[in-house]
PDB file of N, CA and C in Angstrom:
ATOM      1  N   MET A   1       5.362   4.185  13.498  1.00  0.00           N
ATOM      2  CA  MET A   1       5.880   3.715  12.225  1.00  0.00           C
ATOM      3  C   MET A   1       4.720   3.436  11.287  1.00  0.00           C
ATOM      4  N   ASN A   2       4.908   3.778  10.069  1.00  0.00           N
ATOM      5  CA  ASN A   2       3.940   3.512   9.010  1.00  0.00           C
ATOM      6  C   ASN A   2       4.405   2.294   8.214  1.00  0.00           C
ATOM      7  N   ARG A   3       3.431   1.514   7.749  1.00  0.00           N
ATOM      8  CA  ARG A   3       3.775   0.311   7.001  1.00  0.00           C
ATOM      9  C   ARG A   3       3.006   0.234   5.692  1.00  0.00           C
ATOM     10  N   ILE A   4       3.670  -0.358   4.719  1.00  0.00           N
ATOM     11  CA  ILE A   4       3.020  -0.816   3.498  1.00  0.00           C
ATOM     12  C   ILE A   4       3.146  -2.326   3.525  1.00  0.00           C
ATOM     13  N   LEU A   5       2.008  -2.999   3.514  1.00  0.00           N
ATOM     14  CA  LEU A   5       1.987  -4.455   3.578  1.00  0.00           C
ATOM     15  C   LEU A   5       1.451  -5.018   2.269  1.00  0.00           C
ATOM     16  N   ILE A   6       2.136  -6.019   1.735  1.00  0.00           N
ATOM     17  CA  ILE A   6       1.717  -6.702   0.516  1.00  0.00           C
ATOM     18  C   ILE A   6       1.345  -8.130   0.901  1.00  0.00           C
ATOM     19  N   CYS A   7       0.218  -8.594   0.390  1.00  0.00           N
ATOM     20  CA  CYS A   7      -0.224  -9.959   0.668  1.00  0.00           C
ATOM     21  C   CYS A   7       0.743 -10.945   0.013  1.00  0.00           C
ATOM     22  N   ARG A   8       1.338 -11.812   0.827  1.00  0.00           N
ATOM     23  CA  ARG A   8       2.283 -12.784   0.276  1.00  0.00           C
ATOM     24  C   ARG A   8       1.587 -14.028  -0.243  1.00  0.00           C
ATOM     25  N   THR A   9       0.289 -14.200   0.062  1.00  0.00           N
ATOM     26  CA  THR A   9      -0.412 -15.391  -0.399  1.00  0.00           C
ATOM     27  C   THR A   9      -1.271 -15.119  -1.627  1.00  0.00           C
ATOM     28  N   CYS A  10      -1.314 -13.872  -2.083  1.00  0.00           N
ATOM     29  CA  CYS A  10      -2.002 -13.577  -3.339  1.00  0.00           C
ATOM     30  C   CYS A  10      -1.273 -14.293  -4.470  1.00  0.00           C
ATOM     31  N   LYS A  11      -1.953 -14.453  -5.578  1.00  0.00           N
ATOM     32  CA  LYS A  11      -1.376 -15.151  -6.722  1.00  0.00           C
ATOM     33  C   LYS A  11      -0.019 -14.554  -7.084  1.00  0.00           C
ATOM     34  N   GLN A  12       1.002 -15.280  -6.736  1.00  0.00           N
ATOM     35  CA  GLN A  12       2.367 -14.932  -7.118  1.00  0.00           C
ATOM     36  C   GLN A  12       2.925 -16.175  -7.804  1.00  0.00           C
ATOM     37  N   GLU A  13       3.623 -15.987  -8.880  1.00  0.00           N
ATOM     38  CA  GLU A  13       4.173 -17.139  -9.591  1.00  0.00           C
ATOM     39  C   GLU A  13       5.206 -17.871  -8.739  1.00  0.00           C
ATOM     40  N   THR A  14       6.053 -17.120  -8.078  1.00  0.00           N
ATOM     41  CA  THR A  14       7.088 -17.712  -7.236  1.00  0.00           C
ATOM     42  C   THR A  14       7.381 -16.760  -6.090  1.00  0.00           C
ATOM     43  N   GLU A  15       8.084 -17.263  -5.093  1.00  0.00           N
ATOM     44  CA  GLU A  15       8.522 -16.406  -3.990  1.00  0.00           C
ATOM     45  C   GLU A  15       9.451 -15.319  -4.523  1.00  0.00           C
ATOM     46  N   ALA A  16      10.217 -15.642  -5.569  1.00  0.00           N
ATOM     47  CA  ALA A  16      11.127 -14.660  -6.159  1.00  0.00           C
ATOM     48  C   ALA A  16      10.359 -13.474  -6.737  1.00  0.00           C
ATOM     49  N   VAL A  17       9.180 -13.723  -7.292  1.00  0.00           N
ATOM     50  CA  VAL A  17       8.350 -12.638  -7.825  1.00  0.00           C
ATOM     51  C   VAL A  17       7.933 -11.710  -6.694  1.00  0.00           C
ATOM     52  N   ALA A  18       7.495 -12.298  -5.575  1.00  0.00           N
ATOM     53  CA  ALA A  18       7.083 -11.495  -4.417  1.00  0.00           C
ATOM     54  C   ALA A  18       8.255 -10.690  -3.878  1.00  0.00           C
ATOM     55  N   GLU A  19       9.416 -11.311  -3.775  1.00  0.00           N
ATOM     56  CA  GLU A  19      10.606 -10.592  -3.287  1.00  0.00           C
ATOM     57  C   GLU A  19      11.019  -9.512  -4.272  1.00  0.00           C
ATOM     58  N   GLY A  20      10.866  -9.770  -5.563  1.00  0.00           N
ATOM     59  CA  GLY A  20      11.179  -8.758  -6.576  1.00  0.00           C
ATOM     60  C   GLY A  20      10.249  -7.560  -6.477  1.00  0.00           C
ATOM     61  N   ALA A  21       8.968  -7.823  -6.182  1.00  0.00           N
ATOM     62  CA  ALA A  21       7.997  -6.736  -6.015  1.00  0.00           C
ATOM     63  C   ALA A  21       8.371  -5.885  -4.816  1.00  0.00           C
ATOM     64  N   LEU A  22       8.750  -6.530  -3.718  1.00  0.00           N
ATOM     65  CA  LEU A  22       9.158  -5.783  -2.528  1.00  0.00           C
ATOM     66  C   LEU A  22      10.395  -4.936  -2.808  1.00  0.00           C
ATOM     67  N   ALA A  23      11.371  -5.524  -3.473  1.00  0.00           N
ATOM     68  CA  ALA A  23      12.599  -4.791  -3.783  1.00  0.00           C
ATOM     69  C   ALA A  23      12.308  -3.603  -4.697  1.00  0.00           C
ATOM     70  N   ALA A  24      11.455  -3.808  -5.696  1.00  0.00           N
ATOM     71  CA  ALA A  24      11.116  -2.719  -6.613  1.00  0.00           C
ATOM     72  C   ALA A  24      10.383  -1.597  -5.885  1.00  0.00           C
ATOM     73  N   LEU A  25       9.476  -1.959  -4.978  1.00  0.00           N
ATOM     74  CA  LEU A  25       8.749  -0.945  -4.213  1.00  0.00           C
ATOM     75  C   LEU A  25       9.699  -0.190  -3.288  1.00  0.00           C
ATOM     76  N   ARG A  26      10.585  -0.902  -2.611  1.00  0.00           N
ATOM     77  CA  ARG A  26      11.564  -0.235  -1.741  1.00  0.00           C
ATOM     78  C   ARG A  26      12.438   0.729  -2.540  1.00  0.00           C
ATOM     79  N   ASN A  27      12.880   0.310  -3.712  1.00  0.00           N
ATOM     80  CA  ASN A  27      13.700   1.185  -4.558  1.00  0.00           C
ATOM     81  C   ASN A  27      12.935   2.425  -4.991  1.00  0.00           C
ATOM     82  N   ALA A  28      11.658   2.250  -5.345  1.00  0.00           N
ATOM     83  CA  ALA A  28      10.837   3.397  -5.754  1.00  0.00           C
ATOM     84  C   ALA A  28      10.634   4.362  -4.589  1.00  0.00           C
ATOM     85  N   LEU A  29      10.424   3.830  -3.387  1.00  0.00           N
ATOM     86  CA  LEU A  29      10.284   4.686  -2.206  1.00  0.00           C
ATOM     87  C   LEU A  29      11.593   5.423  -1.916  1.00  0.00           C
ATOM     88  N   LEU A  30      12.697   4.748  -2.103  1.00  0.00           N
ATOM     89  CA  LEU A  30      14.002   5.385  -1.931  1.00  0.00           C
ATOM     90  C   LEU A  30      14.176   6.524  -2.920  1.00  0.00           C
ATOM     91  N   ASP A  31      13.853   6.275  -4.190  1.00  0.00           N
ATOM     92  CA  ASP A  31      13.950   7.313  -5.232  1.00  0.00           C
ATOM     93  C   ASP A  31      13.052   8.507  -4.930  1.00  0.00           C
ATOM     94  N   ALA A  32      11.916   8.257  -4.276  1.00  0.00           N
ATOM     95  CA  ALA A  32      10.958   9.318  -3.954  1.00  0.00           C
ATOM     96  C   ALA A  32      11.240   9.960  -2.589  1.00  0.00           C
ATOM     97  N   ALA A  33      12.356   9.582  -1.976  1.00  0.00           N
ATOM     98  CA  ALA A  33      12.740  10.080  -0.642  1.00  0.00           C
ATOM     99  C   ALA A  33      11.686   9.745   0.407  1.00  0.00           C
ATOM    100  N   LEU A  34      11.041   8.592   0.264  1.00  0.00           N
ATOM    101  CA  LEU A  34      10.016   8.148   1.212  1.00  0.00           C
ATOM    102  C   LEU A  34      10.411   6.869   1.943  1.00  0.00           C
ATOM    103  N   ILE A  35      11.598   6.350   1.687  1.00  0.00           N
ATOM    104  CA  ILE A  35      11.963   5.059   2.258  1.00  0.00           C
ATOM    105  C   ILE A  35      11.942   5.094   3.776  1.00  0.00           C
ATOM    106  N   GLY A  36      12.304   6.183   4.414  1.00  0.00           N
ATOM    107  CA  GLY A  36      12.278   6.263   5.867  1.00  0.00           C
ATOM    108  C   GLY A  36      10.883   6.427   6.442  1.00  0.00           C
ATOM    109  N   ALA A  37       9.928   6.768   5.593  1.00  0.00           N
ATOM    110  CA  ALA A  37       8.556   6.998   6.054  1.00  0.00           C
ATOM    111  C   ALA A  37       7.761   5.704   6.194  1.00  0.00           C
ATOM    112  N   PHE A  38       8.219   4.624   5.577  1.00  0.00           N
ATOM    113  CA  PHE A  38       7.478   3.366   5.562  1.00  0.00           C
ATOM    114  C   PHE A  38       8.388   2.180   5.820  1.00  0.00           C
ATOM    115  N   ASP A  39       7.869   1.230   6.581  1.00  0.00           N
ATOM    116  CA  ASP A  39       8.438  -0.102   6.653  1.00  0.00           C
ATOM    117  C   ASP A  39       7.650  -0.907   5.625  1.00  0.00           C
ATOM    118  N   VAL A  40       8.321  -1.618   4.743  1.00  0.00           N
ATOM    119  CA  VAL A  40       7.646  -2.388   3.701  1.00  0.00           C
ATOM    120  C   VAL A  40       7.806  -3.865   4.018  1.00  0.00           C
ATOM    121  N   GLY A  41       6.685  -4.586   4.011  1.00  0.00           N
ATOM    122  CA  GLY A  41       6.747  -6.008   4.313  1.00  0.00           C
ATOM    123  C   GLY A  41       5.584  -6.767   3.726  1.00  0.00           C
ATOM    124  N   THR A  42       5.505  -8.035   4.104  1.00  0.00           N
ATOM    125  CA  THR A  42       4.430  -8.894   3.619  1.00  0.00           C
ATOM    126  C   THR A  42       3.631  -9.426   4.798  1.00  0.00           C
ATOM    127  N   VAL A  43       2.438  -9.900   4.504  1.00  0.00           N
ATOM    128  CA  VAL A  43       1.551 -10.489   5.502  1.00  0.00           C
ATOM    129  C   VAL A  43       0.744 -11.574   4.788  1.00  0.00           C
ATOM    130  N   ASP A  44       0.371 -12.612   5.527  1.00  0.00           N
ATOM    131  CA  ASP A  44      -0.478 -13.653   4.943  1.00  0.00           C
ATOM    132  C   ASP A  44      -1.903 -13.135   4.805  1.00  0.00           C
ATOM    133  N   CYS A  45      -2.524 -13.432   3.736  1.00  0.00           N
ATOM    134  CA  CYS A  45      -3.905 -13.180   3.365  1.00  0.00           C
ATOM    135  C   CYS A  45      -4.590 -11.984   4.033  1.00  0.00           C
ATOM    136  N   MET A  46      -4.974 -11.029   3.203  1.00  0.00           N
ATOM    137  CA  MET A  46      -5.761  -9.881   3.668  1.00  0.00           C
ATOM    138  C   MET A  46      -7.228 -10.008   3.265  1.00  0.00           C
ATOM    139  N   GLY A  47      -7.608 -11.178   2.749  1.00  0.00           N
ATOM    140  CA  GLY A  47      -9.017 -11.464   2.499  1.00  0.00           C
ATOM    141  C   GLY A  47      -9.590 -10.878   1.220  1.00  0.00           C
ATOM    142  N   ALA A  48      -8.751 -10.455   0.307  1.00  0.00           N
ATOM    143  CA  ALA A  48      -9.241  -9.942  -0.978  1.00  0.00           C
ATOM    144  C   ALA A  48      -8.804 -10.888  -2.091  1.00  0.00           C
ATOM    145  N   CYS A  49      -8.959 -12.176  -1.838  1.00  0.00           N
ATOM    146  CA  CYS A  49      -8.436 -13.223  -2.716  1.00  0.00           C
ATOM    147  C   CYS A  49      -9.018 -13.194  -4.131  1.00  0.00           C
ATOM    148  N   GLU A  50     -10.222 -12.659  -4.259  1.00  0.00           N
ATOM    149  CA  GLU A  50     -10.851 -12.632  -5.588  1.00  0.00           C
ATOM    150  C   GLU A  50     -10.196 -11.614  -6.520  1.00  0.00           C
ATOM    151  N   GLN A  51      -9.381 -10.698  -5.967  1.00  0.00           N
ATOM    152  CA  GLN A  51      -8.704  -9.688  -6.778  1.00  0.00           C
ATOM    153  C   GLN A  51      -7.269  -9.491  -6.321  1.00  0.00           C
ATOM    154  N   PRO A  52      -6.410 -10.476  -6.523  1.00  0.00           N
ATOM    155  CA  PRO A  52      -5.021 -10.306  -6.111  1.00  0.00           C
ATOM    156  C   PRO A  52      -4.317  -9.281  -6.997  1.00  0.00           C
ATOM    157  N   VAL A  53      -3.410  -8.599  -6.563  1.00  0.00           N
ATOM    158  CA  VAL A  53      -2.638  -8.653  -5.337  1.00  0.00           C
ATOM    159  C   VAL A  53      -3.139  -7.563  -4.393  1.00  0.00           C
ATOM    160  N   SER A  54      -3.179  -7.858  -3.079  1.00  0.00           N
ATOM    161  CA  SER A  54      -3.648  -6.902  -2.080  1.00  0.00           C
ATOM    162  C   SER A  54      -2.482  -6.156  -1.451  1.00  0.00           C
ATOM    163  N   LEU A  55      -2.759  -4.928  -1.033  1.00  0.00           N
ATOM    164  CA  LEU A  55      -1.764  -4.068  -0.395  1.00  0.00           C
ATOM    165  C   LEU A  55      -2.489  -3.176   0.593  1.00  0.00           C
ATOM    166  N   ALA A  56      -1.825  -2.843   1.703  1.00  0.00           N
ATOM    167  CA  ALA A  56      -2.431  -1.964   2.699  1.00  0.00           C
ATOM    168  C   ALA A  56      -1.422  -0.930   3.186  1.00  0.00           C
ATOM    169  N   PHE A  57      -1.927   0.250   3.509  1.00  0.00           N
ATOM    170  CA  PHE A  57      -1.182   1.289   4.213  1.00  0.00           C
ATOM    171  C   PHE A  57      -1.712   1.276   5.641  1.00  0.00           C
ATOM    172  N   GLN A  58      -0.799   1.260   6.607  1.00  0.00           N
ATOM    173  CA  GLN A  58      -1.203   1.183   8.003  1.00  0.00           C
ATOM    174  C   GLN A  58      -0.237   2.017   8.841  1.00  0.00           C
ATOM    175  N   GLY A  59      -0.759   2.740   9.803  1.00  0.00           N
ATOM    176  CA  GLY A  59       0.091   3.516  10.695  1.00  0.00           C
ATOM    177  C   GLY A  59      -0.662   3.926  11.942  1.00  0.00           C
ATOM    178  N   GLU A  60       0.072   4.119  13.016  1.00  0.00           N
ATOM    179  CA  GLU A  60      -0.542   4.516  14.277  1.00  0.00           C
ATOM    180  C   GLU A  60      -1.189   5.888  14.142  1.00  0.00           C
ATOM    181  N   GLY A  61      -2.468   5.976  14.541  1.00  0.00           N
ATOM    182  CA  GLY A  61      -3.192   7.232  14.467  1.00  0.00           C
ATOM    183  C   GLY A  61      -3.587   7.632  13.057  1.00  0.00           C
ATOM    184  N   ARG A  62      -3.504   6.690  12.122  1.00  0.00           N
ATOM    185  CA  ARG A  62      -3.811   6.974  10.722  1.00  0.00           C
ATOM    186  C   ARG A  62      -4.825   5.965  10.204  1.00  0.00           C
ATOM    187  N   ALA A  63      -5.611   6.390   9.228  1.00  0.00           N
ATOM    188  CA  ALA A  63      -6.542   5.473   8.578  1.00  0.00           C
ATOM    189  C   ALA A  63      -5.763   4.343   7.913  1.00  0.00           C
ATOM    190  N   THR A  64      -6.347   3.154   7.936  1.00  0.00           N
ATOM    191  CA  THR A  64      -5.787   2.023   7.200  1.00  0.00           C
ATOM    192  C   THR A  64      -6.499   1.956   5.859  1.00  0.00           C
ATOM    193  N   LEU A  65      -5.728   1.854   4.796  1.00  0.00           N
ATOM    194  CA  LEU A  65      -6.274   1.737   3.446  1.00  0.00           C
ATOM    195  C   LEU A  65      -5.918   0.367   2.898  1.00  0.00           C
ATOM    196  N   VAL A  66      -6.889  -0.329   2.336  1.00  0.00           N
ATOM    197  CA  VAL A  66      -6.663  -1.652   1.758  1.00  0.00           C
ATOM    198  C   VAL A  66      -7.033  -1.602   0.284  1.00  0.00           C
ATOM    199  N   PHE A  67      -6.122  -2.060  -0.541  1.00  0.00           N
ATOM    200  CA  PHE A  67      -6.307  -2.073  -1.991  1.00  0.00           C
ATOM    201  C   PHE A  67      -6.226  -3.507  -2.498  1.00  0.00           C
ATOM    202  N   ALA A  68      -6.908  -3.796  -3.601  1.00  0.00           N
ATOM    203  CA  ALA A  68      -6.838  -5.115  -4.223  1.00  0.00           C
ATOM    204  C   ALA A  68      -6.833  -4.942  -5.739  1.00  0.00           C
ATOM    205  N   GLY A  69      -6.317  -5.948  -6.412  1.00  0.00           N
ATOM    206  CA  GLY A  69      -6.248  -5.924  -7.867  1.00  0.00           C
ATOM    207  C   GLY A  69      -5.028  -5.200  -8.395  1.00  0.00           C
ATOM    208  N   LEU A  70      -3.957  -5.179  -7.600  1.00  0.00           N
ATOM    209  CA  LEU A  70      -2.742  -4.473  -8.006  1.00  0.00           C
ATOM    210  C   LEU A  70      -1.840  -5.370  -8.835  1.00  0.00           C
ATOM    211  N   SER A  71      -1.018  -4.727  -9.659  1.00  0.00           N
ATOM    212  CA  SER A  71      -0.044  -5.435 -10.487  1.00  0.00           C
ATOM    213  C   SER A  71       1.337  -4.858 -10.224  1.00  0.00           C
ATOM    214  N   PHE A  72       2.309  -5.747 -10.135  1.00  0.00           N
ATOM    215  CA  PHE A  72       3.697  -5.324  -9.979  1.00  0.00           C
ATOM    216  C   PHE A  72       4.459  -5.696 -11.220  1.00  0.00           C
ATOM    217  N   PRO A  73       5.289  -4.832 -11.751  1.00  0.00           N
ATOM    218  CA  PRO A  73       5.691  -3.520 -11.238  1.00  0.00           C
ATOM    219  C   PRO A  73       4.841  -2.360 -11.755  1.00  0.00           C
ATOM    220  N   GLN A  74       3.803  -2.642 -12.519  1.00  0.00           N
ATOM    221  CA  GLN A  74       3.013  -1.598 -13.173  1.00  0.00           C
ATOM    222  C   GLN A  74       2.456  -0.550 -12.217  1.00  0.00           C
ATOM    223  N   ASP A  75       2.037  -0.930 -11.035  1.00  0.00           N
ATOM    224  CA  ASP A  75       1.381   0.001 -10.115  1.00  0.00           C
ATOM    225  C   ASP A  75       2.312   0.669  -9.106  1.00  0.00           C
ATOM    226  N   ILE A  76       3.598   0.427  -9.217  1.00  0.00           N
ATOM    227  CA  ILE A  76       4.516   0.961  -8.207  1.00  0.00           C
ATOM    228  C   ILE A  76       4.484   2.488  -8.146  1.00  0.00           C
ATOM    229  N   ASP A  77       4.463   3.156  -9.265  1.00  0.00           N
ATOM    230  CA  ASP A  77       4.426   4.633  -9.234  1.00  0.00           C
ATOM    231  C   ASP A  77       3.160   5.130  -8.533  1.00  0.00           C
ATOM    232  N   ASP A  78       2.034   4.471  -8.763  1.00  0.00           N
ATOM    233  CA  ASP A  78       0.786   4.870  -8.100  1.00  0.00           C
ATOM    234  C   ASP A  78       0.801   4.523  -6.609  1.00  0.00           C
ATOM    235  N   ILE A  79       1.489   3.449  -6.239  1.00  0.00           N
ATOM    236  CA  ILE A  79       1.632   3.115  -4.815  1.00  0.00           C
ATOM    237  C   ILE A  79       2.437   4.208  -4.117  1.00  0.00           C
ATOM    238  N   VAL A  80       3.507   4.646  -4.747  1.00  0.00           N
ATOM    239  CA  VAL A  80       4.329   5.722  -4.174  1.00  0.00           C
ATOM    240  C   VAL A  80       3.505   7.013  -4.075  1.00  0.00           C
ATOM    241  N   ALA A  81       2.765   7.346  -5.113  1.00  0.00           N
ATOM    242  CA  ALA A  81       1.932   8.561  -5.093  1.00  0.00           C
ATOM    243  C   ALA A  81       0.870   8.471  -4.000  1.00  0.00           C
ATOM    244  N   THR A  82       0.293   7.295  -3.814  1.00  0.00           N
ATOM    245  CA  THR A  82      -0.707   7.104  -2.764  1.00  0.00           C
ATOM    246  C   THR A  82      -0.066   7.223  -1.387  1.00  0.00           C
ATOM    247  N   GLY A  83       1.124   6.679  -1.241  1.00  0.00           N
ATOM    248  CA  GLY A  83       1.848   6.822   0.017  1.00  0.00           C
ATOM    249  C   GLY A  83       2.102   8.272   0.365  1.00  0.00           C
ATOM    250  N   ARG A  84       2.482   9.049  -0.625  1.00  0.00           N
ATOM    251  CA  ARG A  84       2.716  10.484  -0.413  1.00  0.00           C
ATOM    252  C   ARG A  84       1.415  11.188  -0.007  1.00  0.00           C
ATOM    253  N   ALA A  85       0.310  10.868  -0.685  1.00  0.00           N
ATOM    254  CA  ALA A  85      -0.992  11.471  -0.362  1.00  0.00           C
ATOM    255  C   ALA A  85      -1.463  11.040   1.020  1.00  0.00           C
ATOM    256  N   TRP A  86      -1.246   9.788   1.369  1.00  0.00           N
ATOM    257  CA  TRP A  86      -1.653   9.256   2.677  1.00  0.00           C
ATOM    258  C   TRP A  86      -0.898   9.954   3.800  1.00  0.00           C
ATOM    259  N   LEU A  87       0.402  10.156   3.605  1.00  0.00           N
ATOM    260  CA  LEU A  87       1.201  10.853   4.616  1.00  0.00           C
ATOM    261  C   LEU A  87       0.767  12.311   4.771  1.00  0.00           C
ATOM    262  N   ALA A  88       0.388  12.941   3.668  1.00  0.00           N
ATOM    263  CA  ALA A  88       0.007  14.357   3.693  1.00  0.00           C
ATOM    264  C   ALA A  88      -1.399  14.584   4.245  1.00  0.00           C
ATOM    265  N   ALA A  89      -2.246  13.567   4.157  1.00  0.00           N
ATOM    266  CA  ALA A  89      -3.641  13.703   4.584  1.00  0.00           C
ATOM    267  C   ALA A  89      -3.748  13.649   6.105  1.00  0.00           C
ATOM    268  N   GLU A  90      -4.619  14.491   6.654  1.00  0.00           N
ATOM    269  CA  GLU A  90      -4.851  14.476   8.095  1.00  0.00           C
ATOM    270  C   GLU A  90      -5.341  13.095   8.518  1.00  0.00           C
ATOM    271  N   ASN A  91      -4.637  12.477   9.441  1.00  0.00           N
ATOM    272  CA  ASN A  91      -4.958  11.133   9.947  1.00  0.00           C
ATOM    273  C   ASN A  91      -4.989  10.067   8.851  1.00  0.00           C
ATOM    274  N   GLY A  92      -4.346  10.334   7.710  1.00  0.00           N
ATOM    275  CA  GLY A  92      -4.305   9.362   6.632  1.00  0.00           C
ATOM    276  C   GLY A  92      -5.593   9.225   5.846  1.00  0.00           C
ATOM    277  N   TRP A  93      -6.551  10.132   6.094  1.00  0.00           N
ATOM    278  CA  TRP A  93      -7.855  10.060   5.426  1.00  0.00           C
ATOM    279  C   TRP A  93      -7.795  10.882   4.146  1.00  0.00           C
ATOM    280  N   ILE A  94      -7.550  10.241   3.029  1.00  0.00           N
ATOM    281  CA  ILE A  94      -7.399  10.917   1.743  1.00  0.00           C
ATOM    282  C   ILE A  94      -8.776  11.319   1.231  1.00  0.00           C
ATOM    283  N   GLU A  95      -8.983  12.612   1.058  1.00  0.00           N
ATOM    284  CA  GLU A  95     -10.267  13.124   0.553  1.00  0.00           C
ATOM    285  C   GLU A  95     -10.302  13.166  -0.973  1.00  0.00           C
ATOM    286  N   ASP A  96      -9.202  13.578  -1.587  1.00  0.00           N
ATOM    287  CA  ASP A  96      -9.127  13.666  -3.045  1.00  0.00           C
ATOM    288  C   ASP A  96      -8.112  12.645  -3.526  1.00  0.00           C
ATOM    289  N   ALA A  97      -8.588  11.542  -4.074  1.00  0.00           N
ATOM    290  CA  ALA A  97      -7.716  10.435  -4.448  1.00  0.00           C
ATOM    291  C   ALA A  97      -7.177  10.532  -5.874  1.00  0.00           C
ATOM    292  N   ARG A  98      -7.454  11.606  -6.577  1.00  0.00           N
ATOM    293  CA  ARG A  98      -6.961  11.709  -7.953  1.00  0.00           C
ATOM    294  C   ARG A  98      -5.452  11.565  -8.068  1.00  0.00           C
ATOM    295  N   PRO A  99      -4.650  12.096  -7.114  1.00  0.00           N
ATOM    296  CA  PRO A  99      -3.201  11.904  -7.222  1.00  0.00           C
ATOM    297  C   PRO A  99      -2.758  10.443  -7.099  1.00  0.00           C
ATOM    298  N   CYS A 100      -3.639   9.575  -6.653  1.00  0.00           N
ATOM    299  CA  CYS A 100      -3.301   8.162  -6.449  1.00  0.00           C
ATOM    300  C   CYS A 100      -3.325   7.349  -7.743  1.00  0.00           C
ATOM    301  N   GLY A 101      -3.708   7.976  -8.842  1.00  0.00           N
ATOM    302  CA  GLY A 101      -3.734   7.261 -10.113  1.00  0.00           C
ATOM    303  C   GLY A 101      -4.711   6.103 -10.086  1.00  0.00           C
ATOM    304  N   ARG A 102      -4.311   4.979 -10.671  1.00  0.00           N
ATOM    305  CA  ARG A 102      -5.179   3.808 -10.774  1.00  0.00           C
ATOM    306  C   ARG A 102      -5.574   3.245  -9.413  1.00  0.00           C
ATOM    307  N   LEU A 103      -4.754   3.464  -8.382  1.00  0.00           N
ATOM    308  CA  LEU A 103      -5.078   2.902  -7.066  1.00  0.00           C
ATOM    309  C   LEU A 103      -6.398   3.412  -6.522  1.00  0.00           C
ATOM    310  N   ARG A 104      -6.820   4.612  -6.922  1.00  0.00           N
ATOM    311  CA  ARG A 104      -8.102   5.125  -6.412  1.00  0.00           C
ATOM    312  C   ARG A 104      -9.258   4.218  -6.843  1.00  0.00           C
ATOM    313  N   LEU A 105      -9.056   3.456  -7.901  1.00  0.00           N
ATOM    314  CA  LEU A 105     -10.085   2.527  -8.381  1.00  0.00           C
ATOM    315  C   LEU A 105      -9.950   1.145  -7.746  1.00  0.00           C
ATOM    316  N   CYS A 106      -8.858   0.921  -7.025  1.00  0.00           N
ATOM    317  CA  CYS A 106      -8.569  -0.377  -6.410  1.00  0.00           C
ATOM    318  C   CYS A 106      -8.828  -0.397  -4.910  1.00  0.00           C
ATOM    319  N   LEU A 107      -9.286   0.722  -4.353  1.00  0.00           N
ATOM    320  CA  LEU A 107      -9.532   0.805  -2.921  1.00  0.00           C
ATOM    321  C   LEU A 107     -10.676  -0.131  -2.530  1.00  0.00           C
ATOM    322  N   ARG A 108     -10.439  -0.985  -1.538  1.00  0.00           N
ATOM    323  CA  ARG A 108     -11.453  -1.914  -1.056  1.00  0.00           C
ATOM    324  C   ARG A 108     -11.929  -1.574   0.340  1.00  0.00           C
ATOM    325  N   ALA A 109     -11.088  -0.908   1.141  1.00  0.00           N
ATOM    326  CA  ALA A 109     -11.498  -0.523   2.497  1.00  0.00           C
ATOM    327  C   ALA A 109     -10.716   0.696   2.933  1.00  0.00           C
ATOM    328  N   ARG A 110     -11.414   1.581   3.629  1.00  0.00           N
ATOM    329  CA  ARG A 110     -10.814   2.776   4.229  1.00  0.00           C
ATOM    330  C   ARG A 110     -11.311   2.793   5.673  1.00  0.00           C
ATOM    331  N   ILE A 111     -10.432   2.384   6.574  1.00  0.00           N
ATOM    332  CA  ILE A 111     -10.784   2.169   7.970  1.00  0.00           C
ATOM    333  C   ILE A 111     -10.254   3.336   8.790  1.00  0.00           C
ATOM    334  N   PRO A 112     -11.129   4.086   9.478  1.00  0.00           N
ATOM    335  CA  PRO A 112     -10.676   5.233  10.264  1.00  0.00           C
ATOM    336  C   PRO A 112      -9.695   4.825  11.364  1.00  0.00           C
ATOM    337  N   ALA A 113      -8.836   5.741  11.724  1.00  0.00           N
ATOM    338  CA  ALA A 113      -7.890   5.522  12.818  1.00  0.00           C
ATOM    339  C   ALA A 113      -8.647   5.371  14.131  1.00  0.00           C
ATOM    340  N   LEU A 114      -8.092   4.583  15.034  1.00  0.00           N
ATOM    341  CA  LEU A 114      -8.654   4.488  16.380  1.00  0.00           C
ATOM    342  C   LEU A 114      -8.439   5.784  17.124  1.00  0.00           C
ATOM    343  N   ASP A 115      -9.418   6.205  17.875  1.00  0.00           N
ATOM    344  CA  ASP A 115      -9.252   7.375  18.733  1.00  0.00           C
ATOM    345  C   ASP A 115      -8.383   6.974  19.923  1.00  0.00           C
ATOM    346  N   ALA A 116      -7.434   7.843  20.256  1.00  0.00           N
ATOM    347  CA  ALA A 116      -6.537   7.552  21.371  1.00  0.00           C
ATOM    348  C   ALA A 116      -7.244   7.696  22.719  1.00  0.00           C
ATOM    349  N   GLY A 117      -8.398   8.363  22.750  1.00  0.00           N
ATOM    350  CA  GLY A 117      -9.064   8.650  24.015  1.00  0.00           C
ATOM    351  C   GLY A 117     -10.003   7.606  24.382  1.00  0.00           C
TER     352      GLY A 117
END
């Protein structure tokens, strides 16, 4: 299973804002026919507190990508585009990030997948 995780402790005005961001992202993934490709959820602190909001793509056998400085709902289209590029890339290692829009400038970590051997 692949996941998109949003930091729930990043600067959010209210819990309702965080839930609204999740709902908007889920709806965008549904519209893009990607809802079955990702489980979307939240996690406490990803350590990029100086540039909230943080988001990560994570999946078994795939590179983990961590982004910071995101805005909701403004970046949702770029999150969906990045998700599509991540799924298409061998082992999730995106070589050409131009399709990711603004997110290519928000990348904070690109962690290679663990070798199964």
